[in-house]
């Protein structure tokens, strides 16, 4: 399979890994759209939301728990956005299901 995200989850390509568990790999997006922009990628290849089966339901529920853990690790657990793009016209650039976690870092005032 010539899937970029499969190559990353299989460690055939390097990435800036933030978090890993038995089902998902979380790494920095190479074209960030926010101060914090990471991808939560299943290690199991699924093309998109349109390809999810009933047996994937519990497995994919865990993507939200992984996102929550990543947000906490990144220090943005109180304010972040999660997004899943579906299909080329929906903004999905890689044919491997993934979730974006985006957040802006708040400036801390010295006063």
PDB file of N, CA and C in Angstrom:
ATOM      1  N   UNK A   1       0.846  -1.181   0.000  1.00  0.00           N
ATOM      2  CA  UNK A   1       0.000   0.000   0.000  1.00  0.00           C
ATOM      3  C   UNK A   1       0.888   1.240   0.000  1.00  0.00           C
ATOM      4  N   UNK A   2       0.501   2.233  -0.764  1.00  0.00           N
ATOM      5  CA  UNK A   2       1.296   3.446  -0.892  1.00  0.00           C
ATOM      6  C   UNK A   2       0.648   4.605  -0.126  1.00  0.00           C
ATOM      7  N   UNK A   3       0.214   4.363   1.089  1.00  0.00           N
ATOM      8  CA  UNK A   3      -0.465   5.366   1.903  1.00  0.00           C
ATOM      9  C   UNK A   3       0.552   6.080   2.794  1.00  0.00           C
ATOM     10  N   UNK A   4       0.603   7.400   2.680  1.00  0.00           N
ATOM     11  CA  UNK A   4       1.537   8.203   3.465  1.00  0.00           C
ATOM     12  C   UNK A   4       1.365   7.958   4.964  1.00  0.00           C
ATOM     13  N   UNK A   5       0.119   7.975   5.452  1.00  0.00           N
ATOM     14  CA  UNK A   5      -0.102   7.810   6.886  1.00  0.00           C
ATOM     15  C   UNK A   5       0.206   6.393   7.357  1.00  0.00           C
ATOM     16  N   UNK A   6      -0.017   5.384   6.505  1.00  0.00           N
ATOM     17  CA  UNK A   6       0.383   4.020   6.873  1.00  0.00           C
ATOM     18  C   UNK A   6       1.902   3.945   7.009  1.00  0.00           C
ATOM     19  N   UNK A   7       2.609   4.616   6.119  1.00  0.00           N
ATOM     20  CA  UNK A   7       4.072   4.632   6.197  1.00  0.00           C
ATOM     21  C   UNK A   7       4.538   5.318   7.479  1.00  0.00           C
ATOM     22  N   UNK A   8       3.837   6.365   7.897  1.00  0.00           N
ATOM     23  CA  UNK A   8       4.201   7.051   9.146  1.00  0.00           C
ATOM     24  C   UNK A   8       3.881   6.168  10.347  1.00  0.00           C
ATOM     25  N   UNK A   9       2.674   5.567  10.384  1.00  0.00           N
ATOM     26  CA  UNK A   9       2.318   4.731  11.538  1.00  0.00           C
ATOM     27  C   UNK A   9       3.172   3.470  11.622  1.00  0.00           C
ATOM     28  N   UNK A  10       3.671   3.013  10.474  1.00  0.00           N
ATOM     29  CA  UNK A  10       4.565   1.846  10.450  1.00  0.00           C
ATOM     30  C   UNK A  10       6.032   2.220  10.629  1.00  0.00           C
ATOM     31  N   UNK A  11       6.293   3.493  10.853  1.00  0.00           N
ATOM     32  CA  UNK A  11       7.643   4.032  11.081  1.00  0.00           C
ATOM     33  C   UNK A  11       8.560   3.896   9.867  1.00  0.00           C
ATOM     34  N   UNK A  12       7.974   3.860   8.669  1.00  0.00           N
ATOM     35  CA  UNK A  12       8.768   3.872   7.442  1.00  0.00           C
ATOM     36  C   UNK A  12       9.171   5.297   7.079  1.00  0.00           C
ATOM     37  N   UNK A  13       8.428   6.277   7.592  1.00  0.00           N
ATOM     38  CA  UNK A  13       8.735   7.691   7.413  1.00  0.00           C
ATOM     39  C   UNK A  13       8.766   8.356   8.780  1.00  0.00           C
ATOM     40  N   UNK A  14       9.628   9.333   8.939  1.00  0.00           N
ATOM     41  CA  UNK A  14       9.726  10.062  10.200  1.00  0.00           C
ATOM     42  C   UNK A  14       8.606  11.088  10.326  1.00  0.00           C
ATOM     43  N   UNK A  15       8.226  11.356  11.549  1.00  0.00           N
ATOM     44  CA  UNK A  15       7.269  12.415  11.859  1.00  0.00           C
ATOM     45  C   UNK A  15       7.561  12.900  13.273  1.00  0.00           C
ATOM     46  N   UNK A  16       7.013  14.048  13.600  1.00  0.00           N
ATOM     47  CA  UNK A  16       7.197  14.622  14.939  1.00  0.00           C
ATOM     48  C   UNK A  16       6.069  14.100  15.821  1.00  0.00           C
ATOM     49  N   UNK A  17       6.319  12.954  16.443  1.00  0.00           N
ATOM     50  CA  UNK A  17       5.293  12.246  17.213  1.00  0.00           C
ATOM     51  C   UNK A  17       5.068  12.916  18.564  1.00  0.00           C
ATOM     52  N   UNK A  18       3.800  13.119  18.878  1.00  0.00           N
ATOM     53  CA  UNK A  18       3.380  13.717  20.146  1.00  0.00           C
ATOM     54  C   UNK A  18       2.934  12.638  21.120  1.00  0.00           C
ATOM     55  N   UNK A  19       2.246  11.635  20.601  1.00  0.00           N
ATOM     56  CA  UNK A  19       1.633  10.612  21.454  1.00  0.00           C
ATOM     57  C   UNK A  19       1.394   9.360  20.616  1.00  0.00           C
ATOM     58  N   UNK A  20       1.496   8.218  21.266  1.00  0.00           N
ATOM     59  CA  UNK A  20       1.187   6.961  20.593  1.00  0.00           C
ATOM     60  C   UNK A  20       0.539   6.013  21.584  1.00  0.00           C
ATOM     61  N   UNK A  21      -0.446   5.274  21.109  1.00  0.00           N
ATOM     62  CA  UNK A  21      -1.006   4.171  21.882  1.00  0.00           C
ATOM     63  C   UNK A  21      -1.184   2.987  20.936  1.00  0.00           C
ATOM     64  N   UNK A  22      -1.864   1.955  21.365  1.00  0.00           N
ATOM     65  CA  UNK A  22      -1.960   0.760  20.529  1.00  0.00           C
ATOM     66  C   UNK A  22      -2.821   0.953  19.278  1.00  0.00           C
ATOM     67  N   UNK A  23      -3.674   1.990  19.245  1.00  0.00           N
ATOM     68  CA  UNK A  23      -4.579   2.187  18.119  1.00  0.00           C
ATOM     69  C   UNK A  23      -4.279   3.413  17.264  1.00  0.00           C
ATOM     70  N   UNK A  24      -3.612   4.418  17.845  1.00  0.00           N
ATOM     71  CA  UNK A  24      -3.449   5.695  17.158  1.00  0.00           C
ATOM     72  C   UNK A  24      -2.034   6.250  17.313  1.00  0.00           C
ATOM     73  N   UNK A  25      -1.671   7.073  16.344  1.00  0.00           N
ATOM     74  CA  UNK A  25      -0.434   7.837  16.395  1.00  0.00           C
ATOM     75  C   UNK A  25      -0.827   9.303  16.239  1.00  0.00           C
ATOM     76  N   UNK A  26      -0.276  10.149  17.099  1.00  0.00           N
ATOM     77  CA  UNK A  26      -0.550  11.586  17.041  1.00  0.00           C
ATOM     78  C   UNK A  26       0.754  12.276  16.696  1.00  0.00           C
ATOM     79  N   UNK A  27       0.736  13.073  15.628  1.00  0.00           N
ATOM     80  CA  UNK A  27       1.953  13.767  15.214  1.00  0.00           C
ATOM     81  C   UNK A  27       1.613  15.144  14.648  1.00  0.00           C
ATOM     82  N   UNK A  28       2.630  16.002  14.603  1.00  0.00           N
ATOM     83  CA  UNK A  28       2.435  17.372  14.131  1.00  0.00           C
ATOM     84  C   UNK A  28       2.155  17.384  12.631  1.00  0.00           C
ATOM     85  N   UNK A  29       1.219  18.234  12.245  1.00  0.00           N
ATOM     86  CA  UNK A  29       0.907  18.441  10.835  1.00  0.00           C
ATOM     87  C   UNK A  29       2.066  19.213  10.200  1.00  0.00           C
ATOM     88  N   UNK A  30       2.497  18.805   9.020  1.00  0.00           N
ATOM     89  CA  UNK A  30       3.639  19.484   8.387  1.00  0.00           C
ATOM     90  C   UNK A  30       3.242  20.815   7.750  1.00  0.00           C
ATOM     91  N   UNK A  31       1.941  21.068   7.627  1.00  0.00           N
ATOM     92  CA  UNK A  31       1.443  22.349   7.123  1.00  0.00           C
ATOM     93  C   UNK A  31       0.435  22.901   8.133  1.00  0.00           C
ATOM     94  N   UNK A  32       0.919  23.339   9.314  1.00  0.00           N
ATOM     95  CA  UNK A  32       0.001  23.747  10.383  1.00  0.00           C
ATOM     96  C   UNK A  32      -0.872  24.940  10.006  1.00  0.00           C
ATOM     97  N   UNK A  33      -2.120  24.870  10.446  1.00  0.00           N
ATOM     98  CA  UNK A  33      -3.090  25.941  10.228  1.00  0.00           C
ATOM     99  C   UNK A  33      -3.383  26.692  11.526  1.00  0.00           C
ATOM    100  N   UNK A  34      -2.650  26.357  12.594  1.00  0.00           N
ATOM    101  CA  UNK A  34      -2.827  26.987  13.908  1.00  0.00           C
ATOM    102  C   UNK A  34      -1.525  26.806  14.686  1.00  0.00           C
ATOM    103  N   UNK A  35      -1.413  27.510  15.815  1.00  0.00           N
ATOM    104  CA  UNK A  35      -0.227  27.358  16.668  1.00  0.00           C
ATOM    105  C   UNK A  35       0.010  25.898  17.019  1.00  0.00           C
ATOM    106  N   UNK A  36      -1.068  25.211  17.346  1.00  0.00           N
ATOM    107  CA  UNK A  36      -1.024  23.776  17.619  1.00  0.00           C
ATOM    108  C   UNK A  36      -1.867  23.104  16.541  1.00  0.00           C
ATOM    109  N   UNK A  37      -1.259  22.204  15.792  1.00  0.00           N
ATOM    110  CA  UNK A  37      -2.000  21.467  14.761  1.00  0.00           C
ATOM    111  C   UNK A  37      -1.375  20.081  14.662  1.00  0.00           C
ATOM    112  N   UNK A  38      -2.087  19.115  15.221  1.00  0.00           N
ATOM    113  CA  UNK A  38      -1.632  17.729  15.167  1.00  0.00           C
ATOM    114  C   UNK A  38      -2.700  16.876  14.509  1.00  0.00           C
ATOM    115  N   UNK A  39      -2.278  15.711  14.050  1.00  0.00           N
ATOM    116  CA  UNK A  39      -3.178  14.743  13.431  1.00  0.00           C
ATOM    117  C   UNK A  39      -3.262  13.513  14.314  1.00  0.00           C
ATOM    118  N   UNK A  40      -4.475  13.033  14.519  1.00  0.00           N
ATOM    119  CA  UNK A  40      -4.702  11.785  15.235  1.00  0.00           C
ATOM    120  C   UNK A  40      -5.048  10.765  14.152  1.00  0.00           C
ATOM    121  N   UNK A  41      -4.158   9.791  13.955  1.00  0.00           N
ATOM    122  CA  UNK A  41      -4.265   8.867  12.829  1.00  0.00           C
ATOM    123  C   UNK A  41      -4.398   7.432  13.338  1.00  0.00           C
ATOM    124  N   UNK A  42      -5.459   6.732  12.934  1.00  0.00           N
ATOM    125  CA  UNK A  42      -5.562   5.321  13.297  1.00  0.00           C
ATOM    126  C   UNK A  42      -4.424   4.521  12.660  1.00  0.00           C
ATOM    127  N   UNK A  43      -3.909   3.568  13.391  1.00  0.00           N
ATOM    128  CA  UNK A  43      -2.900   2.672  12.825  1.00  0.00           C
ATOM    129  C   UNK A  43      -3.544   1.713  11.830  1.00  0.00           C
ATOM    130  N   UNK A  44      -4.828   1.468  12.000  1.00  0.00           N
ATOM    131  CA  UNK A  44      -5.588   0.647  11.055  1.00  0.00           C
ATOM    132  C   UNK A  44      -5.973   1.537   9.872  1.00  0.00           C
ATOM    133  N   UNK A  45      -5.714   1.086   8.668  1.00  0.00           N
ATOM    134  CA  UNK A  45      -6.063   1.895   7.498  1.00  0.00           C
ATOM    135  C   UNK A  45      -7.563   1.836   7.229  1.00  0.00           C
ATOM    136  N   UNK A  46      -8.163   3.021   7.219  1.00  0.00           N
ATOM    137  CA  UNK A  46      -9.549   3.224   6.808  1.00  0.00           C
ATOM    138  C   UNK A  46      -9.497   4.445   5.893  1.00  0.00           C
ATOM    139  N   UNK A  47     -10.020   4.343   4.683  1.00  0.00           N
ATOM    140  CA  UNK A  47      -9.907   5.452   3.733  1.00  0.00           C
ATOM    141  C   UNK A  47     -10.513   6.753   4.245  1.00  0.00           C
ATOM    142  N   UNK A  48     -11.735   6.701   4.749  1.00  0.00           N
ATOM    143  CA  UNK A  48     -12.409   7.919   5.219  1.00  0.00           C
ATOM    144  C   UNK A  48     -13.599   7.526   6.083  1.00  0.00           C
ATOM    145  N   UNK A  49     -14.308   8.521   6.581  1.00  0.00           N
ATOM    146  CA  UNK A  49     -15.522   8.267   7.367  1.00  0.00           C
ATOM    147  C   UNK A  49     -16.505   7.428   6.553  1.00  0.00           C
ATOM    148  N   UNK A  50     -16.545   7.655   5.254  1.00  0.00           N
ATOM    149  CA  UNK A  50     -17.462   6.895   4.397  1.00  0.00           C
ATOM    150  C   UNK A  50     -17.132   5.404   4.335  1.00  0.00           C
ATOM    151  N   UNK A  51     -15.990   5.005   4.838  1.00  0.00           N
ATOM    152  CA  UNK A  51     -15.572   3.602   4.799  1.00  0.00           C
ATOM    153  C   UNK A  51     -15.619   2.922   6.170  1.00  0.00           C
ATOM    154  N   UNK A  52     -16.161   3.604   7.165  1.00  0.00           N
ATOM    155  CA  UNK A  52     -16.275   3.036   8.503  1.00  0.00           C
ATOM    156  C   UNK A  52     -17.337   1.940   8.498  1.00  0.00           C
ATOM    157  N   UNK A  53     -17.027   0.832   9.167  1.00  0.00           N
ATOM    158  CA  UNK A  53     -17.991  -0.257   9.316  1.00  0.00           C
ATOM    159  C   UNK A  53     -18.505  -0.275  10.747  1.00  0.00           C
ATOM    160  N   UNK A  54     -19.529  -1.060  10.997  1.00  0.00           N
ATOM    161  CA  UNK A  54     -20.066  -1.177  12.353  1.00  0.00           C
ATOM    162  C   UNK A  54     -19.005  -1.691  13.321  1.00  0.00           C
ATOM    163  N   UNK A  55     -18.138  -2.572  12.861  1.00  0.00           N
ATOM    164  CA  UNK A  55     -17.109  -3.097  13.761  1.00  0.00           C
ATOM    165  C   UNK A  55     -16.053  -2.045  14.104  1.00  0.00           C
ATOM    166  N   UNK A  56     -15.987  -0.949  13.349  1.00  0.00           N
ATOM    167  CA  UNK A  56     -15.053   0.142  13.641  1.00  0.00           C
ATOM    168  C   UNK A  56     -15.588   1.104  14.698  1.00  0.00           C
ATOM    169  N   UNK A  57     -16.864   1.023  15.045  1.00  0.00           N
ATOM    170  CA  UNK A  57     -17.511   2.015  15.900  1.00  0.00           C
ATOM    171  C   UNK A  57     -16.796   2.202  17.248  1.00  0.00           C
ATOM    172  N   UNK A  58     -16.575   1.148  18.004  1.00  0.00           N
ATOM    173  CA  UNK A  58     -15.904   1.271  19.311  1.00  0.00           C
ATOM    174  C   UNK A  58     -14.479   1.752  19.132  1.00  0.00           C
ATOM    175  N   UNK A  59     -13.804   1.171  18.176  1.00  0.00           N
ATOM    176  CA  UNK A  59     -12.425   1.552  17.870  1.00  0.00           C
ATOM    177  C   UNK A  59     -12.325   3.056  17.611  1.00  0.00           C
ATOM    178  N   UNK A  60     -13.258   3.573  16.822  1.00  0.00           N
ATOM    179  CA  UNK A  60     -13.192   4.993  16.483  1.00  0.00           C
ATOM    180  C   UNK A  60     -13.691   5.897  17.596  1.00  0.00           C
ATOM    181  N   UNK A  61     -14.458   5.365  18.530  1.00  0.00           N
ATOM    182  CA  UNK A  61     -14.804   6.156  19.714  1.00  0.00           C
ATOM    183  C   UNK A  61     -13.551   6.527  20.478  1.00  0.00           C
ATOM    184  N   UNK A  62     -12.559   5.669  20.418  1.00  0.00           N
ATOM    185  CA  UNK A  62     -11.298   5.905  21.123  1.00  0.00           C
ATOM    186  C   UNK A  62     -10.486   7.052  20.525  1.00  0.00           C
ATOM    187  N   UNK A  63     -10.816   7.461  19.291  1.00  0.00           N
ATOM    188  CA  UNK A  63     -10.086   8.572  18.693  1.00  0.00           C
ATOM    189  C   UNK A  63     -10.316   9.858  19.505  1.00  0.00           C
ATOM    190  N   UNK A  64     -11.515  10.001  20.067  1.00  0.00           N
ATOM    191  CA  UNK A  64     -11.810  11.187  20.876  1.00  0.00           C
ATOM    192  C   UNK A  64     -11.056  11.167  22.197  1.00  0.00           C
ATOM    193  N   UNK A  65     -10.921   9.989  22.798  1.00  0.00           N
ATOM    194  CA  UNK A  65     -10.136   9.887  24.033  1.00  0.00           C
ATOM    195  C   UNK A  65      -8.666  10.169  23.759  1.00  0.00           C
ATOM    196  N   UNK A  66      -8.178   9.729  22.616  1.00  0.00           N
ATOM    197  CA  UNK A  66      -6.791   9.999  22.233  1.00  0.00           C
ATOM    198  C   UNK A  66      -6.599  11.486  21.978  1.00  0.00           C
ATOM    199  N   UNK A  67      -7.560  12.129  21.332  1.00  0.00           N
ATOM    200  CA  UNK A  67      -7.491  13.575  21.094  1.00  0.00           C
ATOM    201  C   UNK A  67      -7.470  14.329  22.421  1.00  0.00           C
ATOM    202  N   UNK A  68      -8.298  13.912  23.354  1.00  0.00           N
ATOM    203  CA  UNK A  68      -8.350  14.540  24.679  1.00  0.00           C
ATOM    204  C   UNK A  68      -6.999  14.413  25.388  1.00  0.00           C
ATOM    205  N   UNK A  69      -6.406  13.247  25.320  1.00  0.00           N
ATOM    206  CA  UNK A  69      -5.098  13.016  25.936  1.00  0.00           C
ATOM    207  C   UNK A  69      -4.019  13.870  25.256  1.00  0.00           C
ATOM    208  N   UNK A  70      -4.067  13.971  23.942  1.00  0.00           N
ATOM    209  CA  UNK A  70      -3.090  14.779  23.206  1.00  0.00           C
ATOM    210  C   UNK A  70      -3.240  16.255  23.567  1.00  0.00           C
ATOM    211  N   UNK A  71      -4.482  16.743  23.652  1.00  0.00           N
ATOM    212  CA  UNK A  71      -4.718  18.147  24.015  1.00  0.00           C
ATOM    213  C   UNK A  71      -4.149  18.453  25.392  1.00  0.00           C
ATOM    214  N   UNK A  72      -4.324  17.536  26.311  1.00  0.00           N
ATOM    215  CA  UNK A  72      -3.779  17.721  27.662  1.00  0.00           C
ATOM    216  C   UNK A  72      -2.254  17.759  27.609  1.00  0.00           C
ATOM    217  N   UNK A  73      -1.666  16.838  26.882  1.00  0.00           N
ATOM    218  CA  UNK A  73      -0.210  16.784  26.769  1.00  0.00           C
ATOM    219  C   UNK A  73       0.345  18.054  26.116  1.00  0.00           C
ATOM    220  N   UNK A  74      -0.398  18.611  25.164  1.00  0.00           N
ATOM    221  CA  UNK A  74       0.029  19.816  24.456  1.00  0.00           C
ATOM    222  C   UNK A  74      -0.306  21.101  25.211  1.00  0.00           C
ATOM    223  N   UNK A  75      -1.010  20.991  26.338  1.00  0.00           N
ATOM    224  CA  UNK A  75      -1.341  22.158  27.150  1.00  0.00           C
ATOM    225  C   UNK A  75      -2.480  23.004  26.605  1.00  0.00           C
ATOM    226  N   UNK A  76      -3.359  22.399  25.815  1.00  0.00           N
ATOM    227  CA  UNK A  76      -4.482  23.144  25.239  1.00  0.00           C
ATOM    228  C   UNK A  76      -5.823  22.488  25.579  1.00  0.00           C
ATOM    229  N   UNK A  77      -5.866  21.759  26.673  1.00  0.00           N
ATOM    230  CA  UNK A  77      -7.041  20.935  26.967  1.00  0.00           C
ATOM    231  C   UNK A  77      -8.313  21.733  27.260  1.00  0.00           C
ATOM    232  N   UNK A  78      -8.214  23.036  27.422  1.00  0.00           N
ATOM    233  CA  UNK A  78      -9.407  23.830  27.715  1.00  0.00           C
ATOM    234  C   UNK A  78      -9.986  24.530  26.488  1.00  0.00           C
ATOM    235  N   UNK A  79      -9.250  24.520  25.366  1.00  0.00           N
ATOM    236  CA  UNK A  79      -9.752  25.221  24.176  1.00  0.00           C
ATOM    237  C   UNK A  79      -9.065  24.684  22.925  1.00  0.00           C
ATOM    238  N   UNK A  80      -9.779  23.847  22.192  1.00  0.00           N
ATOM    239  CA  UNK A  80      -9.237  23.315  20.945  1.00  0.00           C
ATOM    240  C   UNK A  80     -10.375  22.908  20.026  1.00  0.00           C
ATOM    241  N   UNK A  81     -10.031  22.693  18.773  1.00  0.00           N
ATOM    242  CA  UNK A  81     -11.009  22.289  17.773  1.00  0.00           C
ATOM    243  C   UNK A  81     -10.605  20.934  17.208  1.00  0.00           C
ATOM    244  N   UNK A  82     -11.591  20.071  16.967  1.00  0.00           N
ATOM    245  CA  UNK A  82     -11.372  18.787  16.308  1.00  0.00           C
ATOM    246  C   UNK A  82     -12.102  18.803  14.972  1.00  0.00           C
ATOM    247  N   UNK A  83     -11.444  18.293  13.936  1.00  0.00           N
ATOM    248  CA  UNK A  83     -12.070  18.271  12.611  1.00  0.00           C
ATOM    249  C   UNK A  83     -11.683  17.001  11.874  1.00  0.00           C
ATOM    250  N   UNK A  84     -12.663  16.453  11.153  1.00  0.00           N
ATOM    251  CA  UNK A  84     -12.422  15.321  10.259  1.00  0.00           C
ATOM    252  C   UNK A  84     -12.973  15.720   8.893  1.00  0.00           C
ATOM    253  N   UNK A  85     -12.106  15.786   7.912  1.00  0.00           N
ATOM    254  CA  UNK A  85     -12.519  16.083   6.548  1.00  0.00           C
ATOM    255  C   UNK A  85     -12.844  14.767   5.845  1.00  0.00           C
ATOM    256  N   UNK A  86     -13.861  14.787   4.996  1.00  0.00           N
ATOM    257  CA  UNK A  86     -14.290  13.574   4.301  1.00  0.00           C
ATOM    258  C   UNK A  86     -14.302  13.829   2.800  1.00  0.00           C
ATOM    259  N   UNK A  87     -13.499  13.064   2.068  1.00  0.00           N
ATOM    260  CA  UNK A  87     -13.450  13.175   0.613  1.00  0.00           C
ATOM    261  C   UNK A  87     -12.661  14.383   0.139  1.00  0.00           C
ATOM    262  N   UNK A  88     -12.200  14.302  -1.079  1.00  0.00           N
ATOM    263  CA  UNK A  88     -11.393  15.385  -1.666  1.00  0.00           C
ATOM    264  C   UNK A  88     -12.142  16.716  -1.632  1.00  0.00           C
ATOM    265  N   UNK A  89     -13.425  16.715  -2.005  1.00  0.00           N
ATOM    266  CA  UNK A  89     -14.205  17.955  -2.008  1.00  0.00           C
ATOM    267  C   UNK A  89     -14.480  18.462  -0.594  1.00  0.00           C
ATOM    268  N   UNK A  90     -14.343  17.590   0.393  1.00  0.00           N
ATOM    269  CA  UNK A  90     -14.517  17.982   1.789  1.00  0.00           C
ATOM    270  C   UNK A  90     -13.216  18.389   2.450  1.00  0.00           C
ATOM    271  N   UNK A  91     -12.140  18.439   1.676  1.00  0.00           N
ATOM    272  CA  UNK A  91     -10.854  18.884   2.217  1.00  0.00           C
ATOM    273  C   UNK A  91      -9.912  17.776   2.646  1.00  0.00           C
ATOM    274  N   UNK A  92     -10.295  16.508   2.458  1.00  0.00           N
ATOM    275  CA  UNK A  92      -9.425  15.405   2.841  1.00  0.00           C
ATOM    276  C   UNK A  92      -8.332  15.236   1.783  1.00  0.00           C
ATOM    277  N   UNK A  93      -7.076  15.447   2.193  1.00  0.00           N
ATOM    278  CA  UNK A  93      -5.957  15.387   1.251  1.00  0.00           C
ATOM    279  C   UNK A  93      -5.306  14.011   1.196  1.00  0.00           C
ATOM    280  N   UNK A  94      -5.364  13.257   2.284  1.00  0.00           N
ATOM    281  CA  UNK A  94      -4.776  11.915   2.361  1.00  0.00           C
ATOM    282  C   UNK A  94      -5.914  10.916   2.555  1.00  0.00           C
ATOM    283  N   UNK A  95      -5.933   9.878   1.718  1.00  0.00           N
ATOM    284  CA  UNK A  95      -6.986   8.859   1.814  1.00  0.00           C
ATOM    285  C   UNK A  95      -6.694   7.873   2.946  1.00  0.00           C
ATOM    286  N   UNK A  96      -6.700   8.403   4.156  1.00  0.00           N
ATOM    287  CA  UNK A  96      -6.549   7.622   5.388  1.00  0.00           C
ATOM    288  C   UNK A  96      -7.251   8.457   6.447  1.00  0.00           C
ATOM    289  N   UNK A  97      -8.284   7.911   7.041  1.00  0.00           N
ATOM    290  CA  UNK A  97      -9.047   8.630   8.058  1.00  0.00           C
ATOM    291  C   UNK A  97      -8.103   9.264   9.073  1.00  0.00           C
ATOM    292  N   UNK A  98      -8.343  10.517   9.413  1.00  0.00           N
ATOM    293  CA  UNK A  98      -7.558  11.189  10.441  1.00  0.00           C
ATOM    294  C   UNK A  98      -8.347  12.363  10.996  1.00  0.00           C
ATOM    295  N   UNK A  99      -8.016  12.741  12.206  1.00  0.00           N
ATOM    296  CA  UNK A  99      -8.659  13.859  12.877  1.00  0.00           C
ATOM    297  C   UNK A  99      -7.613  14.936  13.124  1.00  0.00           C
ATOM    298  N   UNK A 100      -7.999  16.181  12.862  1.00  0.00           N
ATOM    299  CA  UNK A 100      -7.135  17.320  13.153  1.00  0.00           C
ATOM    300  C   UNK A 100      -7.479  17.863  14.533  1.00  0.00           C
ATOM    301  N   UNK A 101      -6.466  18.180  15.322  1.00  0.00           N
ATOM    302  CA  UNK A 101      -6.632  18.892  16.573  1.00  0.00           C
ATOM    303  C   UNK A 101      -5.919  20.219  16.378  1.00  0.00           C
ATOM    304  N   UNK A 102      -6.662  21.315  16.505  1.00  0.00           N
ATOM    305  CA  UNK A 102      -6.109  22.655  16.293  1.00  0.00           C
ATOM    306  C   UNK A 102      -6.389  23.523  17.508  1.00  0.00           C
ATOM    307  N   UNK A 103      -5.414  24.368  17.846  1.00  0.00           N
ATOM    308  CA  UNK A 103      -5.587  25.295  18.966  1.00  0.00           C
ATOM    309  C   UNK A 103      -4.626  26.468  18.809  1.00  0.00           C
ATOM    310  N   UNK A 104      -5.010  27.579  19.377  1.00  0.00           N
ATOM    311  CA  UNK A 104      -4.144  28.757  19.419  1.00  0.00           C
ATOM    312  C   UNK A 104      -3.585  28.879  20.830  1.00  0.00           C
ATOM    313  N   UNK A 105      -2.323  29.199  20.909  1.00  0.00           N
ATOM    314  CA  UNK A 105      -1.691  29.417  22.222  1.00  0.00           C
ATOM    315  C   UNK A 105      -2.054  30.817  22.686  1.00  0.00           C
ATOM    316  N   UNK A 106      -2.433  30.949  23.930  1.00  0.00           N
ATOM    317  CA  UNK A 106      -2.759  32.239  24.515  1.00  0.00           C
ATOM    318  C   UNK A 106      -1.485  32.896  25.024  1.00  0.00           C
ATOM    319  N   UNK A 107      -1.380  34.199  24.769  1.00  0.00           N
ATOM    320  CA  UNK A 107      -0.257  34.967  25.312  1.00  0.00           C
ATOM    321  C   UNK A 107      -0.523  35.215  26.797  1.00  0.00           C
ATOM    322  N   UNK A 108       0.501  35.037  27.608  1.00  0.00           N
ATOM    323  CA  UNK A 108       0.386  35.266  29.038  1.00  0.00           C
ATOM    324  C   UNK A 108       0.926  36.651  29.344  1.00  0.00           C
ATOM    325  N   UNK A 109       0.135  37.464  30.004  1.00  0.00           N
ATOM    326  CA  UNK A 109       0.534  38.823  30.335  1.00  0.00           C
ATOM    327  C   UNK A 109       1.399  38.818  31.588  1.00  0.00           C
ATOM    328  N   UNK A 110       2.402  39.697  31.617  1.00  0.00           N
ATOM    329  CA  UNK A 110       3.281  39.815  32.787  1.00  0.00           C
ATOM    330  C   UNK A 110       2.696  40.737  33.844  1.00  0.00           C
ATOM    331  N   UNK A 111       1.580  41.382  33.564  1.00  0.00           N
ATOM    332  CA  UNK A 111       1.008  42.343  34.530  1.00  0.00           C
ATOM    333  C   UNK A 111       0.062  41.687  35.466  1.00  0.00           C
TER     334      UNK A 111
END
